[in-house]
């Protein structure tokens, strides 16, 4: 999560709301759709929050490898 924060600049609430479906490996971008606020997963508050974020190729490869090795979906 620290790498995602450093490479993307996402807010903590947006990072916590990410799911694997939000990451588009073909386009190398993250689609921010949800946020966690006060422990509740919900939609982002504004259109500016629902933005695609460019994904660095090194980070994309690291996430792809992690996705296939982690027991969490």
PDB file of N, CA and C in Angstrom:
ATOM      1  N   UNK A   1       0.819  -1.178   0.000  1.00  0.00           N
ATOM      2  CA  UNK A   1       0.000   0.000   0.000  1.00  0.00           C
ATOM      3  C   UNK A   1       0.873   1.256   0.000  1.00  0.00           C
ATOM      4  N   UNK A   2       2.011   1.171   0.647  1.00  0.00           N
ATOM      5  CA  UNK A   2       2.917   2.329   0.663  1.00  0.00           C
ATOM      6  C   UNK A   2       3.422   2.637  -0.743  1.00  0.00           C
ATOM      7  N   UNK A   3       3.693   1.587  -1.533  1.00  0.00           N
ATOM      8  CA  UNK A   3       4.135   1.807  -2.913  1.00  0.00           C
ATOM      9  C   UNK A   3       3.023   2.459  -3.734  1.00  0.00           C
ATOM     10  N   UNK A   4       1.802   1.993  -3.567  1.00  0.00           N
ATOM     11  CA  UNK A   4       0.682   2.602  -4.283  1.00  0.00           C
ATOM     12  C   UNK A   4       0.549   4.074  -3.933  1.00  0.00           C
ATOM     13  N   UNK A   5       0.682   4.380  -2.663  1.00  0.00           N
ATOM     14  CA  UNK A   5       0.584   5.766  -2.237  1.00  0.00           C
ATOM     15  C   UNK A   5       1.707   6.607  -2.834  1.00  0.00           C
ATOM     16  N   UNK A   6       2.919   6.089  -2.782  1.00  0.00           N
ATOM     17  CA  UNK A   6       4.075   6.836  -3.290  1.00  0.00           C
ATOM     18  C   UNK A   6       4.006   7.048  -4.806  1.00  0.00           C
ATOM     19  N   UNK A   7       3.557   6.036  -5.534  1.00  0.00           N
ATOM     20  CA  UNK A   7       3.543   6.123  -6.996  1.00  0.00           C
ATOM     21  C   UNK A   7       2.318   6.852  -7.548  1.00  0.00           C
ATOM     22  N   UNK A   8       1.187   6.805  -6.820  1.00  0.00           N
ATOM     23  CA  UNK A   8      -0.049   7.348  -7.382  1.00  0.00           C
ATOM     24  C   UNK A   8      -0.534   8.624  -6.716  1.00  0.00           C
ATOM     25  N   UNK A   9      -0.202   8.830  -5.451  1.00  0.00           N
ATOM     26  CA  UNK A   9      -0.686  10.000  -4.732  1.00  0.00           C
ATOM     27  C   UNK A   9      -2.144   9.907  -4.331  1.00  0.00           C
ATOM     28  N   UNK A  10      -2.692   8.700  -4.310  1.00  0.00           N
ATOM     29  CA  UNK A  10      -4.085   8.534  -3.904  1.00  0.00           C
ATOM     30  C   UNK A  10      -4.259   8.848  -2.420  1.00  0.00           C
ATOM     31  N   UNK A  11      -5.450   9.271  -2.066  1.00  0.00           N
ATOM     32  CA  UNK A  11      -5.784   9.500  -0.659  1.00  0.00           C
ATOM     33  C   UNK A  11      -5.874   8.143   0.047  1.00  0.00           C
ATOM     34  N   UNK A  12      -5.696   8.159   1.362  1.00  0.00           N
ATOM     35  CA  UNK A  12      -5.768   6.911   2.123  1.00  0.00           C
ATOM     36  C   UNK A  12      -7.141   6.270   1.975  1.00  0.00           C
ATOM     37  N   UNK A  13      -8.184   7.065   2.001  1.00  0.00           N
ATOM     38  CA  UNK A  13      -9.541   6.522   1.858  1.00  0.00           C
ATOM     39  C   UNK A  13      -9.729   5.849   0.498  1.00  0.00           C
ATOM     40  N   UNK A  14      -9.094   6.398  -0.536  1.00  0.00           N
ATOM     41  CA  UNK A  14      -9.183   5.800  -1.881  1.00  0.00           C
ATOM     42  C   UNK A  14      -8.359   4.522  -1.959  1.00  0.00           C
ATOM     43  N   UNK A  15      -7.186   4.512  -1.342  1.00  0.00           N
ATOM     44  CA  UNK A  15      -6.356   3.307  -1.327  1.00  0.00           C
ATOM     45  C   UNK A  15      -7.082   2.154  -0.651  1.00  0.00           C
ATOM     46  N   UNK A  16      -7.722   2.451   0.467  1.00  0.00           N
ATOM     47  CA  UNK A  16      -8.426   1.403   1.210  1.00  0.00           C
ATOM     48  C   UNK A  16      -9.647   0.884   0.456  1.00  0.00           C
ATOM     49  N   UNK A  17     -10.205   1.687  -0.432  1.00  0.00           N
ATOM     50  CA  UNK A  17     -11.376   1.282  -1.194  1.00  0.00           C
ATOM     51  C   UNK A  17     -11.064   0.539  -2.484  1.00  0.00           C
ATOM     52  N   UNK A  18      -9.786   0.379  -2.819  1.00  0.00           N
ATOM     53  CA  UNK A  18      -9.420  -0.284  -4.076  1.00  0.00           C
ATOM     54  C   UNK A  18      -9.711  -1.777  -4.053  1.00  0.00           C
ATOM     55  N   UNK A  19     -10.120  -2.284  -5.214  1.00  0.00           N
ATOM     56  CA  UNK A  19     -10.310  -3.717  -5.441  1.00  0.00           C
ATOM     57  C   UNK A  19      -9.529  -4.086  -6.691  1.00  0.00           C
ATOM     58  N   UNK A  20      -9.294  -5.369  -6.870  1.00  0.00           N
ATOM     59  CA  UNK A  20      -8.533  -5.809  -8.042  1.00  0.00           C
ATOM     60  C   UNK A  20      -9.223  -5.392  -9.342  1.00  0.00           C
ATOM     61  N   UNK A  21     -10.545  -5.340  -9.341  1.00  0.00           N
ATOM     62  CA  UNK A  21     -11.278  -4.933 -10.549  1.00  0.00           C
ATOM     63  C   UNK A  21     -11.030  -3.470 -10.913  1.00  0.00           C
ATOM     64  N   UNK A  22     -10.538  -2.687  -9.977  1.00  0.00           N
ATOM     65  CA  UNK A  22     -10.263  -1.274 -10.236  1.00  0.00           C
ATOM     66  C   UNK A  22      -8.955  -1.054 -10.989  1.00  0.00           C
ATOM     67  N   UNK A  23      -8.136  -2.086 -11.066  1.00  0.00           N
ATOM     68  CA  UNK A  23      -6.837  -1.959 -11.736  1.00  0.00           C
ATOM     69  C   UNK A  23      -6.945  -2.516 -13.147  1.00  0.00           C
ATOM     70  N   UNK A  24      -6.696  -1.661 -14.127  1.00  0.00           N
ATOM     71  CA  UNK A  24      -6.723  -2.057 -15.539  1.00  0.00           C
ATOM     72  C   UNK A  24      -5.275  -2.218 -15.996  1.00  0.00           C
ATOM     73  N   UNK A  25      -4.816  -3.465 -16.045  1.00  0.00           N
ATOM     74  CA  UNK A  25      -3.432  -3.732 -16.399  1.00  0.00           C
ATOM     75  C   UNK A  25      -3.151  -3.455 -17.877  1.00  0.00           C
ATOM     76  N   UNK A  26      -4.155  -3.618 -18.730  1.00  0.00           N
ATOM     77  CA  UNK A  26      -3.957  -3.375 -20.166  1.00  0.00           C
ATOM     78  C   UNK A  26      -3.759  -1.888 -20.466  1.00  0.00           C
ATOM     79  N   UNK A  27      -4.486  -1.039 -19.776  1.00  0.00           N
ATOM     80  CA  UNK A  27      -4.370   0.411 -19.983  1.00  0.00           C
ATOM     81  C   UNK A  27      -3.379   1.060 -19.021  1.00  0.00           C
ATOM     82  N   UNK A  28      -2.874   0.276 -18.085  1.00  0.00           N
ATOM     83  CA  UNK A  28      -1.950   0.768 -17.053  1.00  0.00           C
ATOM     84  C   UNK A  28      -2.536   1.946 -16.294  1.00  0.00           C
ATOM     85  N   UNK A  29      -3.733   1.712 -15.741  1.00  0.00           N
ATOM     86  CA  UNK A  29      -4.356   2.744 -14.938  1.00  0.00           C
ATOM     87  C   UNK A  29      -5.207   2.134 -13.834  1.00  0.00           C
ATOM     88  N   UNK A  30      -5.430   2.941 -12.815  1.00  0.00           N
ATOM     89  CA  UNK A  30      -6.286   2.560 -11.694  1.00  0.00           C
ATOM     90  C   UNK A  30      -7.532   3.427 -11.773  1.00  0.00           C
ATOM     91  N   UNK A  31      -8.685   2.793 -11.713  1.00  0.00           N
ATOM     92  CA  UNK A  31      -9.951   3.519 -11.730  1.00  0.00           C
ATOM     93  C   UNK A  31     -10.456   3.608 -10.295  1.00  0.00           C
ATOM     94  N   UNK A  32     -10.424   4.800  -9.735  1.00  0.00           N
ATOM     95  CA  UNK A  32     -10.863   5.016  -8.363  1.00  0.00           C
ATOM     96  C   UNK A  32     -12.383   5.086  -8.367  1.00  0.00           C
ATOM     97  N   UNK A  33     -13.022   4.110  -7.708  1.00  0.00           N
ATOM     98  CA  UNK A  33     -14.483   4.055  -7.695  1.00  0.00           C
ATOM     99  C   UNK A  33     -15.065   4.120  -6.289  1.00  0.00           C
ATOM    100  N   UNK A  34     -14.285   3.675  -5.299  1.00  0.00           N
ATOM    101  CA  UNK A  34     -14.773   3.615  -3.926  1.00  0.00           C
ATOM    102  C   UNK A  34     -13.773   4.245  -2.973  1.00  0.00           C
ATOM    103  N   UNK A  35     -14.292   4.589  -1.821  1.00  0.00           N
ATOM    104  CA  UNK A  35     -13.452   5.124  -0.750  1.00  0.00           C
ATOM    105  C   UNK A  35     -13.975   4.580   0.572  1.00  0.00           C
ATOM    106  N   UNK A  36     -13.089   4.471   1.543  1.00  0.00           N
ATOM    107  CA  UNK A  36     -13.479   4.031   2.878  1.00  0.00           C
ATOM    108  C   UNK A  36     -13.397   5.242   3.806  1.00  0.00           C
ATOM    109  N   UNK A  37     -14.538   5.606   4.373  1.00  0.00           N
ATOM    110  CA  UNK A  37     -14.611   6.744   5.289  1.00  0.00           C
ATOM    111  C   UNK A  37     -15.308   6.265   6.557  1.00  0.00           C
ATOM    112  N   UNK A  38     -14.648   6.449   7.689  1.00  0.00           N
ATOM    113  CA  UNK A  38     -15.168   6.001   8.985  1.00  0.00           C
ATOM    114  C   UNK A  38     -15.522   4.512   8.961  1.00  0.00           C
ATOM    115  N   UNK A  39     -14.714   3.720   8.264  1.00  0.00           N
ATOM    116  CA  UNK A  39     -14.899   2.277   8.227  1.00  0.00           C
ATOM    117  C   UNK A  39     -15.987   1.793   7.295  1.00  0.00           C
ATOM    118  N   UNK A  40     -16.562   2.676   6.526  1.00  0.00           N
ATOM    119  CA  UNK A  40     -17.651   2.318   5.614  1.00  0.00           C
ATOM    120  C   UNK A  40     -17.186   2.507   4.177  1.00  0.00           C
ATOM    121  N   UNK A  41     -17.373   1.454   3.368  1.00  0.00           N
ATOM    122  CA  UNK A  41     -17.019   1.536   1.947  1.00  0.00           C
ATOM    123  C   UNK A  41     -18.167   2.203   1.214  1.00  0.00           C
ATOM    124  N   UNK A  42     -17.841   3.262   0.488  1.00  0.00           N
ATOM    125  CA  UNK A  42     -18.867   3.976  -0.265  1.00  0.00           C
ATOM    126  C   UNK A  42     -18.300   4.532  -1.543  1.00  0.00           C
ATOM    127  N   UNK A  43     -19.145   5.196  -2.278  1.00  0.00           N
ATOM    128  CA  UNK A  43     -18.716   5.813  -3.524  1.00  0.00           C
ATOM    129  C   UNK A  43     -17.931   7.083  -3.221  1.00  0.00           C
ATOM    130  N   UNK A  44     -17.102   7.474  -4.155  1.00  0.00           N
ATOM    131  CA  UNK A  44     -16.336   8.712  -4.005  1.00  0.00           C
ATOM    132  C   UNK A  44     -17.295   9.897  -3.981  1.00  0.00           C
ATOM    133  N   UNK A  45     -16.879  10.961  -3.309  1.00  0.00           N
ATOM    134  CA  UNK A  45     -17.771  12.103  -3.112  1.00  0.00           C
ATOM    135  C   UNK A  45     -17.943  12.969  -4.347  1.00  0.00           C
ATOM    136  N   UNK A  46     -16.914  13.079  -5.170  1.00  0.00           N
ATOM    137  CA  UNK A  46     -17.008  14.009  -6.298  1.00  0.00           C
ATOM    138  C   UNK A  46     -16.515  13.362  -7.585  1.00  0.00           C
ATOM    139  N   UNK A  47     -16.788  14.022  -8.700  1.00  0.00           N
ATOM    140  CA  UNK A  47     -16.314  13.530  -9.990  1.00  0.00           C
ATOM    141  C   UNK A  47     -14.800  13.544 -10.067  1.00  0.00           C
ATOM    142  N   UNK A  48     -14.188  14.518  -9.411  1.00  0.00           N
ATOM    143  CA  UNK A  48     -12.721  14.609  -9.410  1.00  0.00           C
ATOM    144  C   UNK A  48     -12.107  13.405  -8.709  1.00  0.00           C
ATOM    145  N   UNK A  49     -12.816  12.857  -7.740  1.00  0.00           N
ATOM    146  CA  UNK A  49     -12.314  11.674  -7.039  1.00  0.00           C
ATOM    147  C   UNK A  49     -12.402  10.433  -7.920  1.00  0.00           C
ATOM    148  N   UNK A  50     -13.366  10.387  -8.809  1.00  0.00           N
ATOM    149  CA  UNK A  50     -13.558   9.231  -9.691  1.00  0.00           C
ATOM    150  C   UNK A  50     -12.743   9.420 -10.958  1.00  0.00           C
ATOM    151  N   UNK A  51     -11.458   9.393 -10.819  1.00  0.00           N
ATOM    152  CA  UNK A  51     -10.586   9.673 -11.953  1.00  0.00           C
ATOM    153  C   UNK A  51      -9.679   8.477 -12.208  1.00  0.00           C
ATOM    154  N   UNK A  52      -9.340   8.234 -13.446  1.00  0.00           N
ATOM    155  CA  UNK A  52      -8.323   7.211 -13.701  1.00  0.00           C
ATOM    156  C   UNK A  52      -6.947   7.762 -13.336  1.00  0.00           C
ATOM    157  N   UNK A  53      -6.146   6.935 -12.699  1.00  0.00           N
ATOM    158  CA  UNK A  53      -4.810   7.324 -12.271  1.00  0.00           C
ATOM    159  C   UNK A  53      -3.803   6.467 -13.027  1.00  0.00           C
ATOM    160  N   UNK A  54      -2.816   7.112 -13.639  1.00  0.00           N
ATOM    161  CA  UNK A  54      -1.797   6.381 -14.400  1.00  0.00           C
ATOM    162  C   UNK A  54      -1.038   5.437 -13.483  1.00  0.00           C
ATOM    163  N   UNK A  55      -0.709   4.271 -14.014  1.00  0.00           N
ATOM    164  CA  UNK A  55      -0.008   3.242 -13.260  1.00  0.00           C
ATOM    165  C   UNK A  55       1.373   3.044 -13.858  1.00  0.00           C
ATOM    166  N   UNK A  56       2.396   3.245 -13.049  1.00  0.00           N
ATOM    167  CA  UNK A  56       3.777   3.055 -13.467  1.00  0.00           C
ATOM    168  C   UNK A  56       3.984   1.592 -13.893  1.00  0.00           C
ATOM    169  N   UNK A  57       4.719   1.333 -14.982  1.00  0.00           N
ATOM    170  CA  UNK A  57       4.918  -0.045 -15.453  1.00  0.00           C
ATOM    171  C   UNK A  57       5.554  -0.965 -14.410  1.00  0.00           C
ATOM    172  N   UNK A  58       6.493  -0.455 -13.632  1.00  0.00           N
ATOM    173  CA  UNK A  58       7.129  -1.278 -12.595  1.00  0.00           C
ATOM    174  C   UNK A  58       6.116  -1.627 -11.509  1.00  0.00           C
ATOM    175  N   UNK A  59       5.320  -0.653 -11.108  1.00  0.00           N
ATOM    176  CA  UNK A  59       4.288  -0.903 -10.104  1.00  0.00           C
ATOM    177  C   UNK A  59       3.230  -1.854 -10.642  1.00  0.00           C
ATOM    178  N   UNK A  60       2.855  -1.705 -11.907  1.00  0.00           N
ATOM    179  CA  UNK A  60       1.868  -2.589 -12.520  1.00  0.00           C
ATOM    180  C   UNK A  60       2.349  -4.032 -12.498  1.00  0.00           C
ATOM    181  N   UNK A  61       3.595  -4.258 -12.819  1.00  0.00           N
ATOM    182  CA  UNK A  61       4.138  -5.617 -12.810  1.00  0.00           C
ATOM    183  C   UNK A  61       4.195  -6.178 -11.391  1.00  0.00           C
ATOM    184  N   UNK A  62       4.561  -5.343 -10.432  1.00  0.00           N
ATOM    185  CA  UNK A  62       4.595  -5.772  -9.040  1.00  0.00           C
ATOM    186  C   UNK A  62       3.194  -6.152  -8.557  1.00  0.00           C
ATOM    187  N   UNK A  63       2.195  -5.350  -8.907  1.00  0.00           N
ATOM    188  CA  UNK A  63       0.816  -5.657  -8.526  1.00  0.00           C
ATOM    189  C   UNK A  63       0.315  -6.924  -9.213  1.00  0.00           C
ATOM    190  N   UNK A  64       0.668  -7.108 -10.469  1.00  0.00           N
ATOM    191  CA  UNK A  64       0.254  -8.303 -11.204  1.00  0.00           C
ATOM    192  C   UNK A  64       0.814  -9.561 -10.531  1.00  0.00           C
ATOM    193  N   UNK A  65       2.079  -9.520 -10.161  1.00  0.00           N
ATOM    194  CA  UNK A  65       2.691 -10.668  -9.471  1.00  0.00           C
ATOM    195  C   UNK A  65       2.039 -10.903  -8.117  1.00  0.00           C
ATOM    196  N   UNK A  66       1.768  -9.818  -7.381  1.00  0.00           N
ATOM    197  CA  UNK A  66       1.142  -9.944  -6.080  1.00  0.00           C
ATOM    198  C   UNK A  66      -0.260 -10.531  -6.202  1.00  0.00           C
ATOM    199  N   UNK A  67      -0.989 -10.147  -7.235  1.00  0.00           N
ATOM    200  CA  UNK A  67      -2.350 -10.641  -7.421  1.00  0.00           C
ATOM    201  C   UNK A  67      -2.382 -12.153  -7.566  1.00  0.00           C
ATOM    202  N   UNK A  68      -1.401 -12.711  -8.235  1.00  0.00           N
ATOM    203  CA  UNK A  68      -1.397 -14.162  -8.462  1.00  0.00           C
ATOM    204  C   UNK A  68      -0.824 -14.953  -7.292  1.00  0.00           C
ATOM    205  N   UNK A  69      -0.167 -14.271  -6.344  1.00  0.00           N
ATOM    206  CA  UNK A  69       0.401 -14.985  -5.204  1.00  0.00           C
ATOM    207  C   UNK A  69      -0.384 -14.788  -3.914  1.00  0.00           C
ATOM    208  N   UNK A  70      -1.203 -13.746  -3.839  1.00  0.00           N
ATOM    209  CA  UNK A  70      -1.927 -13.467  -2.601  1.00  0.00           C
ATOM    210  C   UNK A  70      -3.186 -14.343  -2.493  1.00  0.00           C
ATOM    211  N   UNK A  71      -3.516 -14.777  -1.290  1.00  0.00           N
ATOM    212  CA  UNK A  71      -4.757 -15.553  -1.111  1.00  0.00           C
ATOM    213  C   UNK A  71      -5.992 -14.658  -1.053  1.00  0.00           C
ATOM    214  N   UNK A  72      -5.808 -13.339  -1.021  1.00  0.00           N
ATOM    215  CA  UNK A  72      -6.924 -12.405  -0.922  1.00  0.00           C
ATOM    216  C   UNK A  72      -7.383 -11.963  -2.300  1.00  0.00           C
ATOM    217  N   UNK A  73      -8.705 -11.878  -2.470  1.00  0.00           N
ATOM    218  CA  UNK A  73      -9.202 -11.429  -3.766  1.00  0.00           C
ATOM    219  C   UNK A  73      -9.512  -9.967  -3.708  1.00  0.00           C
TER     220      UNK A  73
END
